[in-house]
Amino acid sequence: MRRVIVYSKWHATWWEERIHARPGLALDLQEGLRAYAVRQSCIHQGRGTLLEKRWAIPVANAMNDFSTIPDWVDTDTNNADSEDDEY
């Protein structure tokens, strides 16, 4: 869930960087490309914002469930055994 939100916001920024990326074209073509880039940026930014709002409750519930895991369970994903790397 987090990755989808982060990707959507990154992709919005990527489109914003494209708004003025094609100088030297005919003015009507530049205007069309800018409008397209602005629209795409709005779509991706909106998707990230919508998903943040829509997933806020499930994420909060998951965090509450996560707090009930016993202390003896290793939840650190960085402590993977070297044997797991073979698969």
PDB file of N, CA and C in Angstrom:
ATOM      1  N   MET A   1       0.823  -1.192   0.000  1.00  0.00           N
ATOM      2  CA  MET A   1       0.000   0.000   0.000  1.00  0.00           C
ATOM      3  C   MET A   1       0.867   1.255   0.000  1.00  0.00           C
ATOM      4  N   ARG A   2       1.848   1.263   0.859  1.00  0.00           N
ATOM      5  CA  ARG A   2       2.723   2.426   0.956  1.00  0.00           C
ATOM      6  C   ARG A   2       3.455   2.661  -0.357  1.00  0.00           C
ATOM      7  N   ARG A   3       3.912   1.613  -0.975  1.00  0.00           N
ATOM      8  CA  ARG A   3       4.657   1.752  -2.218  1.00  0.00           C
ATOM      9  C   ARG A   3       3.798   2.318  -3.342  1.00  0.00           C
ATOM     10  N   VAL A   4       2.555   1.922  -3.408  1.00  0.00           N
ATOM     11  CA  VAL A   4       1.662   2.450  -4.443  1.00  0.00           C
ATOM     12  C   VAL A   4       1.475   3.951  -4.252  1.00  0.00           C
ATOM     13  N   ILE A   5       1.297   4.377  -3.019  1.00  0.00           N
ATOM     14  CA  ILE A   5       1.120   5.810  -2.727  1.00  0.00           C
ATOM     15  C   ILE A   5       2.396   6.584  -3.074  1.00  0.00           C
ATOM     16  N   VAL A   6       3.532   6.085  -2.644  1.00  0.00           N
ATOM     17  CA  VAL A   6       4.802   6.756  -2.926  1.00  0.00           C
ATOM     18  C   VAL A   6       5.045   6.814  -4.435  1.00  0.00           C
ATOM     19  N   TYR A   7       4.774   5.716  -5.138  1.00  0.00           N
ATOM     20  CA  TYR A   7       4.967   5.697  -6.582  1.00  0.00           C
ATOM     21  C   TYR A   7       4.048   6.701  -7.270  1.00  0.00           C
ATOM     22  N   SER A   8       2.800   6.776  -6.864  1.00  0.00           N
ATOM     23  CA  SER A   8       1.863   7.721  -7.471  1.00  0.00           C
ATOM     24  C   SER A   8       2.354   9.154  -7.310  1.00  0.00           C
ATOM     25  N   LYS A   9       2.831   9.488  -6.134  1.00  0.00           N
ATOM     26  CA  LYS A   9       3.324  10.848  -5.904  1.00  0.00           C
ATOM     27  C   LYS A   9       4.626  11.107  -6.662  1.00  0.00           C
ATOM     28  N   TRP A  10       5.504  10.114  -6.743  1.00  0.00           N
ATOM     29  CA  TRP A  10       6.720  10.258  -7.530  1.00  0.00           C
ATOM     30  C   TRP A  10       6.370  10.466  -9.007  1.00  0.00           C
ATOM     31  N   HIS A  11       5.426   9.686  -9.506  1.00  0.00           N
ATOM     32  CA  HIS A  11       5.050   9.789 -10.914  1.00  0.00           C
ATOM     33  C   HIS A  11       4.424  11.154 -11.203  1.00  0.00           C
ATOM     34  N   ALA A  12       3.693  11.727 -10.273  1.00  0.00           N
ATOM     35  CA  ALA A  12       3.146  13.077 -10.439  1.00  0.00           C
ATOM     36  C   ALA A  12       4.285  14.086 -10.584  1.00  0.00           C
ATOM     37  N   THR A  13       5.294  13.959  -9.745  1.00  0.00           N
ATOM     38  CA  THR A  13       6.454  14.857  -9.815  1.00  0.00           C
ATOM     39  C   THR A  13       7.196  14.667 -11.135  1.00  0.00           C
ATOM     40  N   TRP A  14       7.319  13.431 -11.581  1.00  0.00           N
ATOM     41  CA  TRP A  14       7.972  13.134 -12.853  1.00  0.00           C
ATOM     42  C   TRP A  14       7.255  13.856 -13.999  1.00  0.00           C
ATOM     43  N   TRP A  15       5.926  13.819 -13.999  1.00  0.00           N
ATOM     44  CA  TRP A  15       5.163  14.516 -15.036  1.00  0.00           C
ATOM     45  C   TRP A  15       5.327  16.023 -14.915  1.00  0.00           C
ATOM     46  N   GLU A  16       5.388  16.547 -13.688  1.00  0.00           N
ATOM     47  CA  GLU A  16       5.591  17.988 -13.496  1.00  0.00           C
ATOM     48  C   GLU A  16       6.921  18.436 -14.097  1.00  0.00           C
ATOM     49  N   GLU A  17       7.923  17.591 -13.996  1.00  0.00           N
ATOM     50  CA  GLU A  17       9.228  17.909 -14.580  1.00  0.00           C
ATOM     51  C   GLU A  17       9.177  17.920 -16.110  1.00  0.00           C
ATOM     52  N   ARG A  18       8.211  17.285 -16.696  1.00  0.00           N
ATOM     53  CA  ARG A  18       8.062  17.217 -18.151  1.00  0.00           C
ATOM     54  C   ARG A  18       7.279  18.409 -18.720  1.00  0.00           C
ATOM     55  N   ILE A  19       6.709  19.242 -17.873  1.00  0.00           N
ATOM     56  CA  ILE A  19       5.859  20.340 -18.348  1.00  0.00           C
ATOM     57  C   ILE A  19       6.626  21.268 -19.287  1.00  0.00           C
ATOM     58  N   HIS A  20       7.878  21.549 -18.987  1.00  0.00           N
ATOM     59  CA  HIS A  20       8.672  22.459 -19.813  1.00  0.00           C
ATOM     60  C   HIS A  20       9.862  21.733 -20.454  1.00  0.00           C
ATOM     61  N   ALA A  21       9.724  20.444 -20.699  1.00  0.00           N
ATOM     62  CA  ALA A  21      10.852  19.633 -21.148  1.00  0.00           C
ATOM     63  C   ALA A  21      11.097  19.688 -22.655  1.00  0.00           C
ATOM     64  N   ARG A  22      10.196  20.258 -23.437  1.00  0.00           N
ATOM     65  CA  ARG A  22      10.346  20.227 -24.898  1.00  0.00           C
ATOM     66  C   ARG A  22      10.350  21.624 -25.516  1.00  0.00           C
ATOM     67  N   PRO A  23      11.343  22.444 -25.195  1.00  0.00           N
ATOM     68  CA  PRO A  23      11.387  23.773 -25.820  1.00  0.00           C
ATOM     69  C   PRO A  23      11.752  23.643 -27.301  1.00  0.00           C
ATOM     70  N   GLY A  24      11.423  24.674 -28.057  1.00  0.00           N
ATOM     71  CA  GLY A  24      11.795  24.689 -29.460  1.00  0.00           C
ATOM     72  C   GLY A  24      10.742  24.118 -30.400  1.00  0.00           C
ATOM     73  N   LEU A  25       9.668  23.588 -29.861  1.00  0.00           N
ATOM     74  CA  LEU A  25       8.591  23.074 -30.702  1.00  0.00           C
ATOM     75  C   LEU A  25       7.636  24.207 -31.055  1.00  0.00           C
ATOM     76  N   ALA A  26       6.762  23.954 -31.975  1.00  0.00           N
ATOM     77  CA  ALA A  26       5.729  24.942 -32.307  1.00  0.00           C
ATOM     78  C   ALA A  26       4.907  25.228 -31.051  1.00  0.00           C
ATOM     79  N   LEU A  27       4.471  26.475 -30.916  1.00  0.00           N
ATOM     80  CA  LEU A  27       3.768  26.894 -29.693  1.00  0.00           C
ATOM     81  C   LEU A  27       2.515  26.063 -29.421  1.00  0.00           C
ATOM     82  N   ASP A  28       1.749  25.733 -30.453  1.00  0.00           N
ATOM     83  CA  ASP A  28       0.536  24.946 -30.224  1.00  0.00           C
ATOM     84  C   ASP A  28       0.878  23.534 -29.751  1.00  0.00           C
ATOM     85  N   LEU A  29       1.967  22.971 -30.262  1.00  0.00           N
ATOM     86  CA  LEU A  29       2.394  21.649 -29.816  1.00  0.00           C
ATOM     87  C   LEU A  29       2.912  21.706 -28.378  1.00  0.00           C
ATOM     88  N   GLN A  30       3.695  22.747 -28.055  1.00  0.00           N
ATOM     89  CA  GLN A  30       4.166  22.919 -26.681  1.00  0.00           C
ATOM     90  C   GLN A  30       3.001  23.035 -25.714  1.00  0.00           C
ATOM     91  N   GLU A  31       2.003  23.801 -26.101  1.00  0.00           N
ATOM     92  CA  GLU A  31       0.838  23.985 -25.246  1.00  0.00           C
ATOM     93  C   GLU A  31       0.107  22.667 -25.010  1.00  0.00           C
ATOM     94  N   GLY A  32      -0.037  21.879 -26.052  1.00  0.00           N
ATOM     95  CA  GLY A  32      -0.685  20.571 -25.921  1.00  0.00           C
ATOM     96  C   GLY A  32       0.099  19.630 -25.035  1.00  0.00           C
ATOM     97  N   LEU A  33       1.420  19.595 -25.218  1.00  0.00           N
ATOM     98  CA  LEU A  33       2.263  18.721 -24.393  1.00  0.00           C
ATOM     99  C   LEU A  33       2.243  19.157 -22.931  1.00  0.00           C
ATOM    100  N   ARG A  34       2.267  20.469 -22.697  1.00  0.00           N
ATOM    101  CA  ARG A  34       2.183  20.966 -21.312  1.00  0.00           C
ATOM    102  C   ARG A  34       0.856  20.581 -20.676  1.00  0.00           C
ATOM    103  N   ALA A  35      -0.224  20.756 -21.420  1.00  0.00           N
ATOM    104  CA  ALA A  35      -1.547  20.411 -20.891  1.00  0.00           C
ATOM    105  C   ALA A  35      -1.618  18.920 -20.561  1.00  0.00           C
ATOM    106  N   TYR A  36      -1.046  18.093 -21.434  1.00  0.00           N
ATOM    107  CA  TYR A  36      -1.044  16.652 -21.182  1.00  0.00           C
ATOM    108  C   TYR A  36      -0.240  16.321 -19.926  1.00  0.00           C
ATOM    109  N   ALA A  37       0.948  16.935 -19.779  1.00  0.00           N
ATOM    110  CA  ALA A  37       1.795  16.669 -18.612  1.00  0.00           C
ATOM    111  C   ALA A  37       1.115  17.125 -17.327  1.00  0.00           C
ATOM    112  N   VAL A  38       0.461  18.295 -17.369  1.00  0.00           N
ATOM    113  CA  VAL A  38      -0.259  18.790 -16.188  1.00  0.00           C
ATOM    114  C   VAL A  38      -1.377  17.829 -15.822  1.00  0.00           C
ATOM    115  N   ARG A  39      -2.116  17.370 -16.817  1.00  0.00           N
ATOM    116  CA  ARG A  39      -3.232  16.444 -16.566  1.00  0.00           C
ATOM    117  C   ARG A  39      -2.729  15.138 -15.952  1.00  0.00           C
ATOM    118  N   GLN A  40      -1.657  14.594 -16.519  1.00  0.00           N
ATOM    119  CA  GLN A  40      -1.105  13.347 -15.988  1.00  0.00           C
ATOM    120  C   GLN A  40      -0.612  13.535 -14.554  1.00  0.00           C
ATOM    121  N   SER A  41       0.023  14.659 -14.283  1.00  0.00           N
ATOM    122  CA  SER A  41       0.478  14.941 -12.932  1.00  0.00           C
ATOM    123  C   SER A  41      -0.698  14.980 -11.959  1.00  0.00           C
ATOM    124  N   CYS A  42      -1.765  15.642 -12.365  1.00  0.00           N
ATOM    125  CA  CYS A  42      -2.963  15.725 -11.507  1.00  0.00           C
ATOM    126  C   CYS A  42      -3.566  14.349 -11.263  1.00  0.00           C
ATOM    127  N   ILE A  43      -3.593  13.521 -12.292  1.00  0.00           N
ATOM    128  CA  ILE A  43      -4.145  12.163 -12.151  1.00  0.00           C
ATOM    129  C   ILE A  43      -3.347  11.373 -11.120  1.00  0.00           C
ATOM    130  N   HIS A  44      -2.031  11.387 -11.243  1.00  0.00           N
ATOM    131  CA  HIS A  44      -1.197  10.592 -10.334  1.00  0.00           C
ATOM    132  C   HIS A  44      -1.194  11.155  -8.918  1.00  0.00           C
ATOM    133  N   GLN A  45      -1.165  12.477  -8.798  1.00  0.00           N
ATOM    134  CA  GLN A  45      -1.228  13.089  -7.473  1.00  0.00           C
ATOM    135  C   GLN A  45      -2.570  12.769  -6.810  1.00  0.00           C
ATOM    136  N   GLY A  46      -3.631  12.871  -7.583  1.00  0.00           N
ATOM    137  CA  GLY A  46      -4.962  12.558  -7.057  1.00  0.00           C
ATOM    138  C   GLY A  46      -5.089  11.117  -6.623  1.00  0.00           C
ATOM    139  N   ARG A  47      -4.497  10.209  -7.413  1.00  0.00           N
ATOM    140  CA  ARG A  47      -4.539   8.787  -7.056  1.00  0.00           C
ATOM    141  C   ARG A  47      -3.822   8.553  -5.732  1.00  0.00           C
ATOM    142  N   GLY A  48      -2.649   9.162  -5.554  1.00  0.00           N
ATOM    143  CA  GLY A  48      -1.914   9.001  -4.297  1.00  0.00           C
ATOM    144  C   GLY A  48      -2.687   9.536  -3.109  1.00  0.00           C
ATOM    145  N   THR A  49      -3.296  10.707  -3.276  1.00  0.00           N
ATOM    146  CA  THR A  49      -4.081  11.302  -2.192  1.00  0.00           C
ATOM    147  C   THR A  49      -5.311  10.462  -1.872  1.00  0.00           C
ATOM    148  N   LEU A  50      -6.012  10.010  -2.908  1.00  0.00           N
ATOM    149  CA  LEU A  50      -7.203   9.177  -2.710  1.00  0.00           C
ATOM    150  C   LEU A  50      -6.853   7.887  -1.979  1.00  0.00           C
ATOM    151  N   LEU A  51      -5.775   7.242  -2.401  1.00  0.00           N
ATOM    152  CA  LEU A  51      -5.387   5.985  -1.762  1.00  0.00           C
ATOM    153  C   LEU A  51      -4.939   6.198  -0.322  1.00  0.00           C
ATOM    154  N   GLU A  52      -4.272   7.299  -0.044  1.00  0.00           N
ATOM    155  CA  GLU A  52      -3.908   7.612   1.344  1.00  0.00           C
ATOM    156  C   GLU A  52      -5.145   7.695   2.221  1.00  0.00           C
ATOM    157  N   LYS A  53      -6.152   8.396   1.731  1.00  0.00           N
ATOM    158  CA  LYS A  53      -7.394   8.540   2.501  1.00  0.00           C
ATOM    159  C   LYS A  53      -8.138   7.216   2.608  1.00  0.00           C
ATOM    160  N   ARG A  54      -8.228   6.514   1.487  1.00  0.00           N
ATOM    161  CA  ARG A  54      -8.993   5.259   1.457  1.00  0.00           C
ATOM    162  C   ARG A  54      -8.341   4.181   2.308  1.00  0.00           C
ATOM    163  N   TRP A  55      -7.028   4.176   2.369  1.00  0.00           N
ATOM    164  CA  TRP A  55      -6.314   3.127   3.091  1.00  0.00           C
ATOM    165  C   TRP A  55      -5.928   3.531   4.504  1.00  0.00           C
ATOM    166  N   ALA A  56      -6.294   4.700   4.951  1.00  0.00           N
ATOM    167  CA  ALA A  56      -5.890   5.163   6.284  1.00  0.00           C
ATOM    168  C   ALA A  56      -6.410   4.222   7.379  1.00  0.00           C
ATOM    169  N   ILE A  57      -7.662   3.837   7.317  1.00  0.00           N
ATOM    170  CA  ILE A  57      -8.238   2.967   8.353  1.00  0.00           C
ATOM    171  C   ILE A  57      -7.639   1.565   8.294  1.00  0.00           C
ATOM    172  N   PRO A  58      -7.556   0.908   7.113  1.00  0.00           N
ATOM    173  CA  PRO A  58      -6.920  -0.414   7.098  1.00  0.00           C
ATOM    174  C   PRO A  58      -5.464  -0.393   7.578  1.00  0.00           C
ATOM    175  N   VAL A  59      -4.723   0.661   7.241  1.00  0.00           N
ATOM    176  CA  VAL A  59      -3.334   0.757   7.699  1.00  0.00           C
ATOM    177  C   VAL A  59      -3.295   0.914   9.215  1.00  0.00           C
ATOM    178  N   ALA A  60      -4.168   1.748   9.770  1.00  0.00           N
ATOM    179  CA  ALA A  60      -4.216   1.925  11.226  1.00  0.00           C
ATOM    180  C   ALA A  60      -4.583   0.609  11.909  1.00  0.00           C
ATOM    181  N   ASN A  61      -5.534  -0.117  11.344  1.00  0.00           N
ATOM    182  CA  ASN A  61      -5.921  -1.418  11.909  1.00  0.00           C
ATOM    183  C   ASN A  61      -4.756  -2.400  11.843  1.00  0.00           C
ATOM    184  N   ALA A  62      -4.027  -2.394  10.742  1.00  0.00           N
ATOM    185  CA  ALA A  62      -2.881  -3.293  10.614  1.00  0.00           C
ATOM    186  C   ALA A  62      -1.811  -2.951  11.641  1.00  0.00           C
ATOM    187  N   MET A  63      -1.599  -1.667  11.875  1.00  0.00           N
ATOM    188  CA  MET A  63      -0.604  -1.268  12.868  1.00  0.00           C
ATOM    189  C   MET A  63      -1.036  -1.704  14.266  1.00  0.00           C
ATOM    190  N   ASN A  64      -2.343  -1.646  14.552  1.00  0.00           N
ATOM    191  CA  ASN A  64      -2.842  -2.127  15.841  1.00  0.00           C
ATOM    192  C   ASN A  64      -2.641  -3.628  15.963  1.00  0.00           C
ATOM    193  N   ASP A  65      -2.905  -4.362  14.879  1.00  0.00           N
ATOM    194  CA  ASP A  65      -2.700  -5.803  14.887  1.00  0.00           C
ATOM    195  C   ASP A  65      -1.224  -6.135  15.056  1.00  0.00           C
ATOM    196  N   PHE A  66      -0.362  -5.326  14.459  1.00  0.00           N
ATOM    197  CA  PHE A  66       1.079  -5.547  14.530  1.00  0.00           C
ATOM    198  C   PHE A  66       1.571  -5.427  15.966  1.00  0.00           C
ATOM    199  N   SER A  67       0.933  -4.572  16.752  1.00  0.00           N
ATOM    200  CA  SER A  67       1.378  -4.370  18.131  1.00  0.00           C
ATOM    201  C   SER A  67       1.048  -5.568  19.018  1.00  0.00           C
ATOM    202  N   THR A  68       0.208  -6.486  18.558  1.00  0.00           N
ATOM    203  CA  THR A  68      -0.151  -7.658  19.355  1.00  0.00           C
ATOM    204  C   THR A  68       0.764  -8.852  19.098  1.00  0.00           C
ATOM    205  N   ILE A  69       1.756  -8.706  18.230  1.00  0.00           N
ATOM    206  CA  ILE A  69       2.691  -9.795  17.958  1.00  0.00           C
ATOM    207  C   ILE A  69       3.586  -9.976  19.176  1.00  0.00           C
ATOM    208  N   PRO A  70       3.776 -11.208  19.631  1.00  0.00           N
ATOM    209  CA  PRO A  70       4.615 -11.440  20.807  1.00  0.00           C
ATOM    210  C   PRO A  70       6.039 -10.928  20.592  1.00  0.00           C
ATOM    211  N   ASP A  71       6.698 -10.551  21.677  1.00  0.00           N
ATOM    212  CA  ASP A  71       8.049  -9.997  21.609  1.00  0.00           C
ATOM    213  C   ASP A  71       9.064 -10.983  21.039  1.00  0.00           C
ATOM    214  N   TRP A  72       8.807 -12.271  21.210  1.00  0.00           N
ATOM    215  CA  TRP A  72       9.790 -13.256  20.776  1.00  0.00           C
ATOM    216  C   TRP A  72       9.777 -13.468  19.261  1.00  0.00           C
ATOM    217  N   VAL A  73       8.804 -12.918  18.547  1.00  0.00           N
ATOM    218  CA  VAL A  73       8.748 -13.043  17.091  1.00  0.00           C
ATOM    219  C   VAL A  73       9.610 -11.945  16.473  1.00  0.00           C
ATOM    220  N   ASP A  74      10.548 -12.365  15.616  1.00  0.00           N
ATOM    221  CA  ASP A  74      11.442 -11.403  14.950  1.00  0.00           C
ATOM    222  C   ASP A  74      10.719 -10.823  13.735  1.00  0.00           C
ATOM    223  N   THR A  75      10.371  -9.546  13.808  1.00  0.00           N
ATOM    224  CA  THR A  75       9.663  -8.893  12.708  1.00  0.00           C
ATOM    225  C   THR A  75      10.596  -8.044  11.855  1.00  0.00           C
ATOM    226  N   ASP A  76      11.893  -8.080  12.136  1.00  0.00           N
ATOM    227  CA  ASP A  76      12.864  -7.295  11.384  1.00  0.00           C
ATOM    228  C   ASP A  76      13.165  -8.011  10.074  1.00  0.00           C
ATOM    229  N   THR A  77      12.737  -7.426   8.971  1.00  0.00           N
ATOM    230  CA  THR A  77      12.937  -8.050   7.661  1.00  0.00           C
ATOM    231  C   THR A  77      14.383  -7.966   7.202  1.00  0.00           C
ATOM    232  N   ASN A  78      15.211  -7.182   7.882  1.00  0.00           N
ATOM    233  CA  ASN A  78      16.623  -7.073   7.507  1.00  0.00           C
ATOM    234  C   ASN A  78      17.459  -8.209   8.080  1.00  0.00           C
ATOM    235  N   ASN A  79      16.895  -9.038   8.952  1.00  0.00           N
ATOM    236  CA  ASN A  79      17.623 -10.133   9.580  1.00  0.00           C
ATOM    237  C   ASN A  79      17.356 -11.455   8.876  1.00  0.00           C
ATOM    238  N   ALA A  80      17.275 -11.446   7.574  1.00  0.00           N
ATOM    239  CA  ALA A  80      16.990 -12.687   6.836  1.00  0.00           C
ATOM    240  C   ALA A  80      18.197 -13.613   6.931  1.00  0.00           C
ATOM    241  N   ASP A  81      17.907 -14.902   7.056  1.00  0.00           N
ATOM    242  CA  ASP A  81      18.987 -15.899   7.072  1.00  0.00           C
ATOM    243  C   ASP A  81      19.645 -15.960   5.713  1.00  0.00           C
ATOM    244  N   SER A  82      20.929 -16.279   5.710  1.00  0.00           N
ATOM    245  CA  SER A  82      21.652 -16.382   4.433  1.00  0.00           C
ATOM    246  C   SER A  82      21.122 -17.545   3.600  1.00  0.00           C
ATOM    247  N   GLU A  83      20.554 -18.566   4.247  1.00  0.00           N
ATOM    248  CA  GLU A  83      19.994 -19.688   3.498  1.00  0.00           C
ATOM    249  C   GLU A  83      18.817 -19.256   2.633  1.00  0.00           C
ATOM    250  N   ASP A  84      18.068 -18.250   3.076  1.00  0.00           N
ATOM    251  CA  ASP A  84      16.931 -17.770   2.300  1.00  0.00           C
ATOM    252  C   ASP A  84      17.357 -17.132   0.987  1.00  0.00           C
ATOM    253  N   ASP A  85      18.588 -16.619   0.931  1.00  0.00           N
ATOM    254  CA  ASP A  85      19.069 -15.960  -0.266  1.00  0.00           C
ATOM    255  C   ASP A  85      19.259 -16.937  -1.426  1.00  0.00           C
ATOM    256  N   GLU A  86      19.400 -18.234  -1.110  1.00  0.00           N
ATOM    257  CA  GLU A  86      19.614 -19.236  -2.156  1.00  0.00           C
ATOM    258  C   GLU A  86      18.349 -19.452  -2.975  1.00  0.00           C
ATOM    259  N   TYR A  87      17.200 -19.151  -2.452  1.00  0.00           N
ATOM    260  CA  TYR A  87      15.949 -19.424  -3.152  1.00  0.00           C
ATOM    261  C   TYR A  87      15.585 -18.219  -3.922  1.00  0.00           C
TER     262      TYR A  87
END
